Amino acid sequence: MKRQANWRRKETEDWKKEDRVLLSTKDLVFKERPARKLVDQYIGPYTIKEVVSTNVVKLQLLTSMRIHLVVNVSRIVRYKEQVGGQKKKKGKLIEIEGVEEWEVERILNKRKVRGVEKYLV
């Protein structure tokens, strides 16, 4: 019976206070992104404030998120720092007629959609 009860269970990681983690967006609702497939799988990184038990941790979340601070460890993954050179370089903003805009280096492709040309940069 023990084998049948534990066949899907896996060993949990040892979480410590001040560890940085990413939070799963599986059960979160985002008003600004109504389409589920456009939301990132994980958001963060957030810091662990307290380890309540082996299965539950308390996170230091933003107050604007309006979710409970205590989450199950199945909803978090360890945050890994990005390797040097992995981050995308952001372009410089240019001010044109009082409005800040991005400068386009080159146009990669274009296509017509219902008579309107769309450019992929």
C-alpha atoms as a PDB file:
ATOM      1  CA  MET A   1       0.000   0.000   0.000  1.00  0.00           C
ATOM      2  CA  LYS A   2       2.884   2.358   0.723  1.00  0.00           C
ATOM      3  CA  ARG A   3       4.241   1.890  -2.800  1.00  0.00           C
ATOM      4  CA  GLN A   4       0.844   2.606  -4.356  1.00  0.00           C
ATOM      5  CA  ALA A   5       0.261   5.680  -2.182  1.00  0.00           C
ATOM      6  CA  ASN A   6       3.689   7.178  -2.907  1.00  0.00           C
ATOM      7  CA  TRP A   7       4.071   6.401  -6.608  1.00  0.00           C
ATOM      8  CA  ARG A   8       3.556  10.041  -7.692  1.00  0.00           C
ATOM      9  CA  ARG A   9       5.217  11.711  -4.742  1.00  0.00           C
ATOM     10  CA  LYS A  10       8.715  13.079  -5.051  1.00  0.00           C
ATOM     11  CA  GLU A  11      11.303  14.370  -2.640  1.00  0.00           C
ATOM     12  CA  THR A  12      10.875  18.038  -1.735  1.00  0.00           C
ATOM     13  CA  GLU A  13      13.698  20.533  -1.870  1.00  0.00           C
ATOM     14  CA  ASP A  14      15.115  21.967   1.323  1.00  0.00           C
ATOM     15  CA  TRP A  15      13.969  25.586   1.341  1.00  0.00           C
ATOM     16  CA  LYS A  16      15.685  28.171   3.506  1.00  0.00           C
ATOM     17  CA  LYS A  17      14.824  31.678   4.543  1.00  0.00           C
ATOM     18  CA  GLU A  18      16.021  34.311   2.002  1.00  0.00           C
ATOM     19  CA  ASP A  19      16.020  31.805  -0.915  1.00  0.00           C
ATOM     20  CA  ARG A  20      14.840  33.336  -4.175  1.00  0.00           C
ATOM     21  CA  VAL A  21      12.034  31.522  -5.989  1.00  0.00           C
ATOM     22  CA  LEU A  22       9.661  31.867  -8.935  1.00  0.00           C
ATOM     23  CA  LEU A  23       5.905  31.558  -8.369  1.00  0.00           C
ATOM     24  CA  SER A  24       3.701  29.510 -10.713  1.00  0.00           C
ATOM     25  CA  THR A  25       0.879  31.387 -12.453  1.00  0.00           C
ATOM     26  CA  LYS A  26      -1.226  28.252 -12.879  1.00  0.00           C
ATOM     27  CA  ASP A  27      -4.083  29.357 -10.578  1.00  0.00           C
ATOM     28  CA  LEU A  28      -3.543  33.127 -10.671  1.00  0.00           C
ATOM     29  CA  VAL A  29      -5.907  35.475 -12.480  1.00  0.00           C
ATOM     30  CA  PHE A  30      -4.506  38.451 -14.394  1.00  0.00           C
ATOM     31  CA  LYS A  31      -6.886  41.208 -15.450  1.00  0.00           C
ATOM     32  CA  GLU A  32      -4.429  42.763 -17.887  1.00  0.00           C
ATOM     33  CA  ARG A  33      -3.875  39.438 -19.673  1.00  0.00           C
ATOM     34  CA  PRO A  34      -7.214  37.738 -20.349  1.00  0.00           C
ATOM     35  CA  ALA A  35      -5.682  35.049 -22.594  1.00  0.00           C
ATOM     36  CA  ARG A  36      -4.195  32.279 -20.446  1.00  0.00           C
ATOM     37  CA  LYS A  37      -1.640  31.252 -23.067  1.00  0.00           C
ATOM     38  CA  LEU A  38      -0.052  34.723 -23.124  1.00  0.00           C
ATOM     39  CA  VAL A  39       0.847  34.725 -19.423  1.00  0.00           C
ATOM     40  CA  ASP A  40       4.309  33.600 -18.286  1.00  0.00           C
ATOM     41  CA  GLN A  41       4.450  30.214 -16.549  1.00  0.00           C
ATOM     42  CA  TYR A  42       6.371  31.636 -13.594  1.00  0.00           C
ATOM     43  CA  ILE A  43       6.695  35.157 -12.203  1.00  0.00           C
ATOM     44  CA  GLY A  44       9.246  36.559  -9.829  1.00  0.00           C
ATOM     45  CA  PRO A  45      11.804  36.252  -8.358  1.00  0.00           C
ATOM     46  CA  TYR A  46      10.439  36.518  -4.824  1.00  0.00           C
ATOM     47  CA  THR A  47      12.138  35.946  -1.485  1.00  0.00           C
ATOM     48  CA  ILE A  48      11.117  33.362   1.096  1.00  0.00           C
ATOM     49  CA  LYS A  49      10.322  35.146   4.363  1.00  0.00           C
ATOM     50  CA  GLU A  50       9.674  32.050   6.427  1.00  0.00           C
ATOM     51  CA  VAL A  51       9.590  28.274   6.069  1.00  0.00           C
ATOM     52  CA  VAL A  52       6.332  27.240   7.756  1.00  0.00           C
ATOM     53  CA  SER A  53       6.746  23.489   7.173  1.00  0.00           C
ATOM     54  CA  THR A  54       8.381  21.166   4.658  1.00  0.00           C
ATOM     55  CA  ASN A  55       5.424  21.709   2.286  1.00  0.00           C
ATOM     56  CA  VAL A  56       4.587  25.360   2.927  1.00  0.00           C
ATOM     57  CA  VAL A  57       6.582  28.599   2.673  1.00  0.00           C
ATOM     58  CA  LYS A  58       5.715  32.248   3.249  1.00  0.00           C
ATOM     59  CA  LEU A  59       6.796  34.562   0.425  1.00  0.00           C
ATOM     60  CA  GLN A  60       7.533  38.251   0.330  1.00  0.00           C
ATOM     61  CA  LEU A  61       5.057  39.273  -2.382  1.00  0.00           C
ATOM     62  CA  LEU A  62       3.906  42.620  -3.707  1.00  0.00           C
ATOM     63  CA  THR A  63       0.770  43.976  -2.032  1.00  0.00           C
ATOM     64  CA  SER A  64      -0.737  44.652  -5.451  1.00  0.00           C
ATOM     65  CA  MET A  65      -0.820  40.899  -6.213  1.00  0.00           C
ATOM     66  CA  ARG A  66      -3.677  40.328  -3.734  1.00  0.00           C
ATOM     67  CA  ILE A  67      -2.934  36.648  -3.108  1.00  0.00           C
ATOM     68  CA  HIS A  68      -2.115  34.833   0.109  1.00  0.00           C
ATOM     69  CA  LEU A  69       1.538  34.996   1.170  1.00  0.00           C
ATOM     70  CA  VAL A  70       1.667  31.340   2.259  1.00  0.00           C
ATOM     71  CA  VAL A  71       1.998  28.946  -0.696  1.00  0.00           C
ATOM     72  CA  ASN A  72       2.632  25.260  -1.200  1.00  0.00           C
ATOM     73  CA  VAL A  73       6.106  24.275  -2.406  1.00  0.00           C
ATOM     74  CA  SER A  74       4.565  22.627  -5.480  1.00  0.00           C
ATOM     75  CA  ARG A  75       3.805  26.181  -6.738  1.00  0.00           C
ATOM     76  CA  ILE A  76       7.404  27.447  -6.565  1.00  0.00           C
ATOM     77  CA  VAL A  77      10.692  26.661  -8.288  1.00  0.00           C
ATOM     78  CA  ARG A  78      14.185  27.801  -7.402  1.00  0.00           C
ATOM     79  CA  TYR A  79      15.304  30.980  -9.176  1.00  0.00           C
ATOM     80  CA  LYS A  80      18.483  30.618 -11.209  1.00  0.00           C
ATOM     81  CA  GLU A  81      20.477  33.700 -12.128  1.00  0.00           C
ATOM     82  CA  GLN A  82      20.901  34.246 -15.834  1.00  0.00           C
ATOM     83  CA  VAL A  83      24.225  33.498 -17.426  1.00  0.00           C
ATOM     84  CA  GLY A  84      26.248  36.503 -18.590  1.00  0.00           C
ATOM     85  CA  GLY A  85      25.259  37.487 -22.109  1.00  0.00           C
ATOM     86  CA  GLN A  86      21.902  35.740 -21.805  1.00  0.00           C
ATOM     87  CA  LYS A  87      19.940  38.878 -21.035  1.00  0.00           C
ATOM     88  CA  LYS A  88      18.494  40.748 -23.968  1.00  0.00           C
ATOM     89  CA  LYS A  89      19.829  44.211 -24.488  1.00  0.00           C
ATOM     90  CA  LYS A  90      17.123  46.810 -24.460  1.00  0.00           C
ATOM     91  CA  GLY A  91      17.253  49.453 -27.126  1.00  0.00           C
ATOM     92  CA  LYS A  92      17.530  53.139 -26.430  1.00  0.00           C
ATOM     93  CA  LEU A  93      14.476  55.352 -26.288  1.00  0.00           C
ATOM     94  CA  ILE A  94      14.404  58.272 -28.722  1.00  0.00           C
ATOM     95  CA  GLU A  95      12.246  61.327 -28.217  1.00  0.00           C
ATOM     96  CA  ILE A  96      10.298  62.274 -31.351  1.00  0.00           C
ATOM     97  CA  GLU A  97       7.910  65.211 -31.151  1.00  0.00           C
ATOM     98  CA  GLY A  98       7.772  64.944 -27.355  1.00  0.00           C
ATOM     99  CA  VAL A  99       6.963  61.204 -27.373  1.00  0.00           C
ATOM    100  CA  GLU A 100       9.512  58.555 -26.419  1.00  0.00           C
ATOM    101  CA  GLU A 101       9.780  55.799 -29.032  1.00  0.00           C
ATOM    102  CA  TRP A 102      12.069  52.856 -29.763  1.00  0.00           C
ATOM    103  CA  GLU A 103      14.552  53.030 -32.607  1.00  0.00           C
ATOM    104  CA  VAL A 104      14.230  50.138 -35.058  1.00  0.00           C
ATOM    105  CA  GLU A 105      17.557  48.690 -36.202  1.00  0.00           C
ATOM    106  CA  ARG A 106      16.136  46.807 -39.187  1.00  0.00           C
ATOM    107  CA  ILE A 107      12.916  45.263 -40.487  1.00  0.00           C
ATOM    108  CA  LEU A 108      13.098  41.478 -40.530  1.00  0.00           C
ATOM    109  CA  ASN A 109       9.907  40.684 -42.418  1.00  0.00           C
ATOM    110  CA  LYS A 110       6.589  42.138 -43.488  1.00  0.00           C
ATOM    111  CA  ARG A 111       3.195  40.715 -44.353  1.00  0.00           C
ATOM    112  CA  LYS A 112      -0.228  41.927 -45.423  1.00  0.00           C
ATOM    113  CA  VAL A 113      -3.166  41.220 -43.151  1.00  0.00           C
ATOM    114  CA  ARG A 114      -6.529  42.324 -44.536  1.00  0.00           C
ATOM    115  CA  GLY A 115      -4.901  44.930 -46.732  1.00  0.00           C
ATOM    116  CA  VAL A 116      -2.701  46.390 -43.972  1.00  0.00           C
ATOM    117  CA  GLU A 117       1.046  45.813 -43.969  1.00  0.00           C
ATOM    118  CA  LYS A 118       2.483  44.621 -40.667  1.00  0.00           C
ATOM    119  CA  TYR A 119       6.211  44.770 -40.016  1.00  0.00           C
ATOM    120  CA  LEU A 120       8.151  42.345 -37.860  1.00  0.00           C
ATOM    121  CA  VAL A 121      11.161  44.051 -36.313  1.00  0.00           C
END
